[in-house]
Amino acid sequence: MFSMTTACVGTIVGEVVDVTIEVAKIPFKVVGAAIDVVTDDDD
């Protein structure tokens, strides 16, 4: 029973880490898009 609980917790932690990584990427995408807009205006 303990090993099943540990595996379940491991899966939950893995999912949380995946979501955290995806959320962390959002500001970089927004900043990248903003930089693209600014640099496109200079052309």
Protein backbone atom coordinates (compact mmCIF):
# COMPACT_ATOMS: atom_id res chain seq x y z
CA MET A 1 0.00 0.00 0.00
CA PHE A 2 2.83 2.38 0.86
CA SER A 3 4.53 1.86 -2.50
CA MET A 4 1.26 2.61 -4.33
CA THR A 5 0.89 5.83 -2.33
CA THR A 6 4.48 6.81 -3.11
CA ALA A 7 3.93 6.18 -6.82
CA CYS A 8 0.76 8.28 -6.75
CA VAL A 9 2.54 11.14 -4.98
CA GLY A 10 5.38 10.87 -7.51
CA THR A 11 2.88 11.17 -10.37
CA ILE A 12 1.21 14.20 -8.77
CA VAL A 13 4.58 15.89 -8.18
CA GLY A 14 5.55 15.17 -11.79
CA GLU A 15 2.34 16.76 -13.05
CA VAL A 16 2.84 19.82 -10.84
CA VAL A 17 6.40 20.23 -12.13
CA ASP A 18 5.19 19.96 -15.75
CA VAL A 19 2.53 22.61 -15.15
CA THR A 20 5.03 24.86 -13.35
CA ILE A 21 7.45 24.61 -16.27
CA GLU A 22 4.71 25.46 -18.78
CA VAL A 23 3.57 28.45 -16.68
CA ALA A 24 7.18 29.62 -16.35
CA LYS A 25 7.51 29.66 -20.15
CA ILE A 26 4.62 32.12 -20.59
CA PRO A 27 6.49 35.31 -19.55
CA PHE A 28 9.35 34.42 -21.91
CA LYS A 29 6.91 33.98 -24.80
CA VAL A 30 5.27 37.33 -23.97
CA VAL A 31 8.63 39.10 -23.72
CA GLY A 32 9.78 37.45 -26.95
CA ALA A 33 6.62 38.59 -28.73
CA ALA A 34 7.04 42.12 -27.37
CA ILE A 35 10.65 42.22 -28.59
CA ASP A 36 9.53 40.97 -32.02
CA VAL A 37 6.97 43.78 -32.22
CA VAL A 38 9.49 46.42 -31.20
CA THR A 39 12.18 45.18 -33.60
CA ASP A 40 9.68 44.86 -36.47
CA ASP A 41 8.83 48.56 -36.13
CA ASP A 42 12.47 49.47 -36.73
CA ASP A 43 12.59 47.77 -40.13
